[in-house]
Amino acid sequence: MYSKKVIQHFQKPHNQGQIKNADAVGRVGNPACGDIMKIYLKIKDKTIKDVKFETMGCAAAIAVSSVLTDLVKNKTLVEALKVDNDKIVKELGGLPEQKIHCSMLAVKALKKAVDNYQK
């Protein structure tokens, strides 16, 4: 059902946790499946210097959050916002159709964090 990479990120997620005094936080949830994601950003000179996540949800939701943090760390805000759910799914070696919404949720959490930072 899940690719090897999804299982690896689920079992040993990268960048899991909080950033104290984060410059921005994006929180999203999907009531239909119960997944809740929080993305924390530390930003300097319009570049994401640190990124962490807290996700309560299924294996796919945790794996997607982990991969998202890998993809946006040390990227400018402009570059980070170009990461879409297709890139996340590709990076994970695919997701079951019924779990694609998890990748969309991660992108929404990132965008919300960046929006909060820019306000």
N, C-alpha and C. Protein backbone atom coordinates (compact mmCIF):
# COMPACT_ATOMS: atom_id res chain seq x y z
N MET A 1 0.83 -1.20 0.00
CA MET A 1 0.00 0.00 0.00
C MET A 1 0.87 1.27 0.00
N TYR A 2 1.85 1.33 0.89
CA TYR A 2 2.73 2.50 0.96
C TYR A 2 4.10 2.17 0.37
N SER A 3 4.72 3.16 -0.25
CA SER A 3 6.07 2.98 -0.78
C SER A 3 7.07 2.86 0.38
N LYS A 4 8.24 2.36 0.04
CA LYS A 4 9.31 2.23 1.03
C LYS A 4 9.66 3.60 1.65
N LYS A 5 9.66 4.61 0.82
CA LYS A 5 10.02 5.96 1.29
C LYS A 5 8.96 6.52 2.26
N VAL A 6 7.69 6.25 2.00
CA VAL A 6 6.63 6.68 2.92
C VAL A 6 6.84 6.02 4.28
N ILE A 7 7.11 4.74 4.27
CA ILE A 7 7.31 4.01 5.52
C ILE A 7 8.53 4.54 6.27
N GLN A 8 9.60 4.83 5.54
CA GLN A 8 10.81 5.38 6.18
C GLN A 8 10.52 6.72 6.86
N HIS A 9 9.81 7.62 6.15
CA HIS A 9 9.50 8.93 6.73
C HIS A 9 8.50 8.82 7.88
N PHE A 10 7.63 7.84 7.82
CA PHE A 10 6.68 7.64 8.91
C PHE A 10 7.41 7.12 10.16
N GLN A 11 8.30 6.16 9.96
CA GLN A 11 8.98 5.56 11.10
C GLN A 11 10.05 6.47 11.70
N LYS A 12 10.71 7.25 10.85
CA LYS A 12 11.77 8.16 11.32
C LYS A 12 11.58 9.51 10.65
N PRO A 13 10.55 10.26 11.08
CA PRO A 13 10.28 11.55 10.44
C PRO A 13 11.41 12.55 10.66
N HIS A 14 11.65 13.35 9.64
CA HIS A 14 12.66 14.41 9.70
C HIS A 14 12.00 15.69 10.22
N ASN A 15 12.72 16.44 11.01
CA ASN A 15 12.30 17.79 11.45
C ASN A 15 10.99 17.79 12.23
N GLN A 16 10.76 16.75 13.01
CA GLN A 16 9.53 16.70 13.80
C GLN A 16 9.75 17.47 15.10
N GLY A 17 8.74 18.24 15.50
CA GLY A 17 8.80 18.99 16.75
C GLY A 17 8.37 20.43 16.55
N GLN A 18 8.67 21.25 17.54
CA GLN A 18 8.31 22.66 17.52
C GLN A 18 9.56 23.52 17.39
N ILE A 19 9.35 24.74 16.93
CA ILE A 19 10.40 25.76 16.99
C ILE A 19 9.91 26.81 17.97
N LYS A 20 10.64 26.94 19.06
CA LYS A 20 10.29 27.98 20.03
C LYS A 20 10.58 29.33 19.37
N ASN A 21 9.70 30.28 19.59
CA ASN A 21 9.82 31.61 18.98
C ASN A 21 9.89 31.55 17.46
N ALA A 22 9.08 30.69 16.89
CA ALA A 22 9.01 30.59 15.43
C ALA A 22 8.57 31.93 14.84
N ASP A 23 9.07 32.22 13.66
CA ASP A 23 8.66 33.43 12.96
C ASP A 23 7.26 33.29 12.37
N ALA A 24 6.86 32.05 12.12
CA ALA A 24 5.53 31.81 11.55
C ALA A 24 5.09 30.38 11.85
N VAL A 25 3.78 30.24 11.99
CA VAL A 25 3.19 28.92 12.20
C VAL A 25 1.97 28.82 11.29
N GLY A 26 1.84 27.69 10.64
CA GLY A 26 0.65 27.41 9.83
C GLY A 26 -0.02 26.16 10.37
N ARG A 27 -1.30 26.28 10.69
CA ARG A 27 -2.05 25.13 11.24
C ARG A 27 -3.24 24.86 10.35
N VAL A 28 -3.38 23.62 9.94
CA VAL A 28 -4.53 23.22 9.14
C VAL A 28 -5.03 21.87 9.63
N GLY A 29 -6.28 21.61 9.31
CA GLY A 29 -6.85 20.33 9.67
C GLY A 29 -7.87 19.90 8.64
N ASN A 30 -8.08 18.61 8.55
CA ASN A 30 -9.07 18.06 7.65
C ASN A 30 -10.06 17.25 8.48
N PRO A 31 -11.23 17.83 8.77
CA PRO A 31 -12.20 17.14 9.61
C PRO A 31 -12.65 15.79 9.05
N ALA A 32 -12.60 15.63 7.73
CA ALA A 32 -13.05 14.37 7.11
C ALA A 32 -12.18 13.19 7.52
N CYS A 33 -10.87 13.43 7.64
CA CYS A 33 -9.98 12.32 7.97
C CYS A 33 -9.34 12.45 9.35
N GLY A 34 -9.45 13.64 9.95
CA GLY A 34 -8.91 13.84 11.29
C GLY A 34 -7.45 14.25 11.34
N ASP A 35 -6.82 14.49 10.20
CA ASP A 35 -5.41 14.90 10.19
C ASP A 35 -5.29 16.37 10.60
N ILE A 36 -4.32 16.66 11.45
CA ILE A 36 -4.03 18.04 11.86
C ILE A 36 -2.53 18.24 11.70
N MET A 37 -2.16 19.32 10.99
CA MET A 37 -0.75 19.62 10.75
C MET A 37 -0.42 21.03 11.20
N LYS A 38 0.76 21.16 11.80
CA LYS A 38 1.30 22.46 12.17
C LYS A 38 2.71 22.52 11.59
N ILE A 39 2.99 23.60 10.87
CA ILE A 39 4.31 23.84 10.30
C ILE A 39 4.89 25.08 10.98
N TYR A 40 6.09 24.96 11.51
CA TYR A 40 6.80 26.06 12.16
C TYR A 40 7.96 26.51 11.28
N LEU A 41 8.10 27.81 11.11
CA LEU A 41 9.18 28.34 10.27
C LEU A 41 10.05 29.32 11.04
N LYS A 42 11.35 29.23 10.84
CA LYS A 42 12.31 30.23 11.29
C LYS A 42 12.90 30.81 10.02
N ILE A 43 12.70 32.11 9.83
CA ILE A 43 13.03 32.76 8.56
C ILE A 43 14.06 33.86 8.79
N LYS A 44 15.06 33.90 7.90
CA LYS A 44 16.04 34.98 7.93
C LYS A 44 16.34 35.36 6.50
N ASP A 45 16.29 36.65 6.20
CA ASP A 45 16.55 37.15 4.86
C ASP A 45 15.70 36.44 3.80
N LYS A 46 14.42 36.27 4.14
CA LYS A 46 13.43 35.64 3.24
C LYS A 46 13.77 34.19 2.88
N THR A 47 14.57 33.56 3.74
CA THR A 47 14.95 32.16 3.54
C THR A 47 14.53 31.35 4.77
N ILE A 48 14.01 30.16 4.52
CA ILE A 48 13.59 29.28 5.62
C ILE A 48 14.84 28.61 6.18
N LYS A 49 15.28 29.09 7.33
CA LYS A 49 16.50 28.58 7.95
C LYS A 49 16.22 27.32 8.76
N ASP A 50 15.01 27.22 9.30
CA ASP A 50 14.62 26.02 10.04
C ASP A 50 13.13 25.80 9.84
N VAL A 51 12.74 24.56 9.83
CA VAL A 51 11.33 24.20 9.66
C VAL A 51 11.09 22.92 10.44
N LYS A 52 10.00 22.91 11.18
CA LYS A 52 9.61 21.72 11.94
C LYS A 52 8.11 21.53 11.77
N PHE A 53 7.65 20.33 12.13
CA PHE A 53 6.24 20.05 12.03
C PHE A 53 5.74 19.24 13.21
N GLU A 54 4.47 19.38 13.47
CA GLU A 54 3.73 18.52 14.38
C GLU A 54 2.51 18.06 13.61
N THR A 55 2.37 16.78 13.46
CA THR A 55 1.23 16.23 12.72
C THR A 55 0.60 15.11 13.52
N MET A 56 -0.71 15.22 13.67
CA MET A 56 -1.49 14.13 14.23
C MET A 56 -2.31 13.57 13.09
N GLY A 57 -2.02 12.32 12.74
CA GLY A 57 -2.75 11.73 11.64
C GLY A 57 -2.16 10.40 11.24
N CYS A 58 -2.50 9.98 10.06
CA CYS A 58 -2.09 8.68 9.54
C CYS A 58 -0.63 8.69 9.10
N ALA A 59 -0.15 7.51 8.70
CA ALA A 59 1.23 7.38 8.24
C ALA A 59 1.53 8.31 7.07
N ALA A 60 0.60 8.42 6.14
CA ALA A 60 0.80 9.30 4.98
C ALA A 60 0.93 10.75 5.41
N ALA A 61 0.11 11.20 6.34
CA ALA A 61 0.15 12.59 6.81
C ALA A 61 1.50 12.91 7.45
N ILE A 62 2.02 12.00 8.23
CA ILE A 62 3.32 12.21 8.88
C ILE A 62 4.44 12.19 7.85
N ALA A 63 4.40 11.24 6.93
CA ALA A 63 5.43 11.15 5.89
C ALA A 63 5.44 12.39 5.01
N VAL A 64 4.27 12.87 4.65
CA VAL A 64 4.14 14.07 3.81
C VAL A 64 4.72 15.28 4.54
N SER A 65 4.43 15.41 5.82
CA SER A 65 4.96 16.54 6.61
C SER A 65 6.48 16.48 6.66
N SER A 66 7.02 15.29 6.86
CA SER A 66 8.47 15.10 6.92
C SER A 66 9.13 15.49 5.60
N VAL A 67 8.59 15.01 4.51
CA VAL A 67 9.17 15.32 3.18
C VAL A 67 9.04 16.81 2.88
N LEU A 68 7.92 17.40 3.21
CA LEU A 68 7.74 18.84 2.97
C LEU A 68 8.86 19.63 3.65
N THR A 69 9.16 19.30 4.90
CA THR A 69 10.21 20.04 5.61
C THR A 69 11.55 19.89 4.91
N ASP A 70 11.85 18.68 4.42
CA ASP A 70 13.10 18.47 3.68
C ASP A 70 13.15 19.32 2.41
N LEU A 71 12.02 19.41 1.73
CA LEU A 71 11.96 20.13 0.45
C LEU A 71 12.08 21.64 0.60
N VAL A 72 11.65 22.19 1.73
CA VAL A 72 11.64 23.66 1.85
C VAL A 72 12.76 24.23 2.71
N LYS A 73 13.43 23.40 3.47
CA LYS A 73 14.50 23.90 4.33
C LYS A 73 15.61 24.52 3.49
N ASN A 74 16.05 25.70 3.90
CA ASN A 74 17.10 26.49 3.22
C ASN A 74 16.68 27.01 1.85
N LYS A 75 15.39 27.03 1.59
CA LYS A 75 14.85 27.62 0.36
C LYS A 75 14.31 29.01 0.68
N THR A 76 14.30 29.87 -0.33
CA THR A 76 13.66 31.17 -0.14
C THR A 76 12.15 30.93 -0.04
N LEU A 77 11.44 31.92 0.45
CA LEU A 77 9.99 31.78 0.54
C LEU A 77 9.38 31.56 -0.84
N VAL A 78 9.90 32.25 -1.83
CA VAL A 78 9.39 32.10 -3.20
C VAL A 78 9.60 30.67 -3.68
N GLU A 79 10.80 30.13 -3.46
CA GLU A 79 11.09 28.75 -3.88
C GLU A 79 10.22 27.75 -3.12
N ALA A 80 10.07 27.97 -1.81
CA ALA A 80 9.28 27.05 -0.98
C ALA A 80 7.83 27.00 -1.44
N LEU A 81 7.29 28.15 -1.82
CA LEU A 81 5.89 28.19 -2.24
C LEU A 81 5.66 27.50 -3.59
N LYS A 82 6.72 27.17 -4.29
CA LYS A 82 6.58 26.43 -5.55
C LYS A 82 6.43 24.93 -5.32
N VAL A 83 6.70 24.48 -4.09
CA VAL A 83 6.51 23.06 -3.78
C VAL A 83 5.01 22.78 -3.75
N ASP A 84 4.60 21.84 -4.58
CA ASP A 84 3.18 21.50 -4.63
C ASP A 84 2.98 20.03 -4.24
N ASN A 85 1.73 19.62 -4.17
CA ASN A 85 1.46 18.26 -3.73
C ASN A 85 2.01 17.22 -4.70
N ASP A 86 2.09 17.53 -5.98
CA ASP A 86 2.66 16.58 -6.95
C ASP A 86 4.13 16.31 -6.64
N LYS A 87 4.86 17.36 -6.28
CA LYS A 87 6.29 17.20 -5.95
C LYS A 87 6.45 16.35 -4.69
N ILE A 88 5.60 16.56 -3.71
CA ILE A 88 5.65 15.79 -2.47
C ILE A 88 5.36 14.31 -2.76
N VAL A 89 4.31 14.06 -3.52
CA VAL A 89 3.93 12.68 -3.85
C VAL A 89 5.06 12.00 -4.63
N LYS A 90 5.65 12.70 -5.58
CA LYS A 90 6.75 12.14 -6.37
C LYS A 90 7.94 11.82 -5.47
N GLU A 91 8.26 12.74 -4.56
CA GLU A 91 9.38 12.54 -3.64
C GLU A 91 9.18 11.31 -2.76
N LEU A 92 7.93 11.01 -2.45
CA LEU A 92 7.61 9.85 -1.61
C LEU A 92 7.48 8.55 -2.41
N GLY A 93 7.63 8.63 -3.71
CA GLY A 93 7.48 7.44 -4.53
C GLY A 93 6.02 7.03 -4.69
N GLY A 94 5.13 8.02 -4.56
CA GLY A 94 3.71 7.79 -4.74
C GLY A 94 2.96 7.65 -3.42
N LEU A 95 1.67 7.88 -3.52
CA LEU A 95 0.75 7.70 -2.39
C LEU A 95 -0.51 7.03 -2.93
N PRO A 96 -1.17 6.23 -2.11
CA PRO A 96 -2.47 5.70 -2.54
C PRO A 96 -3.43 6.85 -2.85
N GLU A 97 -4.29 6.66 -3.82
CA GLU A 97 -5.22 7.71 -4.25
C GLU A 97 -5.97 8.34 -3.07
N GLN A 98 -6.41 7.51 -2.14
CA GLN A 98 -7.20 8.02 -1.01
C GLN A 98 -6.36 8.81 0.00
N LYS A 99 -5.04 8.86 -0.22
CA LYS A 99 -4.16 9.61 0.70
C LYS A 99 -3.56 10.85 0.05
N ILE A 100 -3.88 11.13 -1.19
CA ILE A 100 -3.35 12.31 -1.89
C ILE A 100 -3.73 13.59 -1.14
N HIS A 101 -4.90 13.61 -0.51
CA HIS A 101 -5.34 14.81 0.21
C HIS A 101 -4.35 15.21 1.30
N CYS A 102 -3.59 14.26 1.84
CA CYS A 102 -2.58 14.57 2.86
C CYS A 102 -1.51 15.51 2.30
N SER A 103 -1.11 15.27 1.05
CA SER A 103 -0.09 16.12 0.45
C SER A 103 -0.63 17.53 0.22
N MET A 104 -1.91 17.63 -0.11
CA MET A 104 -2.53 18.95 -0.30
C MET A 104 -2.61 19.69 1.03
N LEU A 105 -2.87 18.95 2.10
CA LEU A 105 -2.96 19.55 3.43
C LEU A 105 -1.60 20.13 3.85
N ALA A 106 -0.53 19.42 3.56
CA ALA A 106 0.81 19.91 3.90
C ALA A 106 1.14 21.20 3.17
N VAL A 107 0.79 21.26 1.90
CA VAL A 107 1.02 22.48 1.11
C VAL A 107 0.21 23.63 1.69
N LYS A 108 -1.02 23.38 2.10
CA LYS A 108 -1.86 24.42 2.71
C LYS A 108 -1.24 24.92 4.02
N ALA A 109 -0.68 24.01 4.81
CA ALA A 109 -0.06 24.40 6.08
C ALA A 109 1.14 25.30 5.83
N LEU A 110 1.95 24.96 4.84
CA LEU A 110 3.11 25.79 4.50
C LEU A 110 2.65 27.16 4.03
N LYS A 111 1.68 27.20 3.13
CA LYS A 111 1.20 28.49 2.62
C LYS A 111 0.62 29.34 3.74
N LYS A 112 -0.08 28.71 4.66
CA LYS A 112 -0.65 29.45 5.79
C LYS A 112 0.46 30.04 6.66
N ALA A 113 1.52 29.27 6.89
CA ALA A 113 2.65 29.77 7.68
C ALA A 113 3.31 30.96 6.99
N VAL A 114 3.54 30.86 5.69
CA VAL A 114 4.15 31.96 4.94
C VAL A 114 3.23 33.17 4.95
N ASP A 115 1.94 32.97 4.76
CA ASP A 115 0.98 34.08 4.82
C ASP A 115 1.03 34.76 6.19
N ASN A 116 1.09 33.96 7.25
CA ASN A 116 1.16 34.53 8.61
C ASN A 116 2.44 35.33 8.79
N TYR A 117 3.53 34.87 8.22
CA TYR A 117 4.80 35.59 8.32
C TYR A 117 4.72 36.93 7.58
N GLN A 118 4.10 36.93 6.42
CA GLN A 118 4.06 38.13 5.60
C GLN A 118 3.09 39.18 6.14
N LYS A 119 2.22 38.77 7.04
CA LYS A 119 1.26 39.75 7.60
C LYS A 119 1.89 40.53 8.68
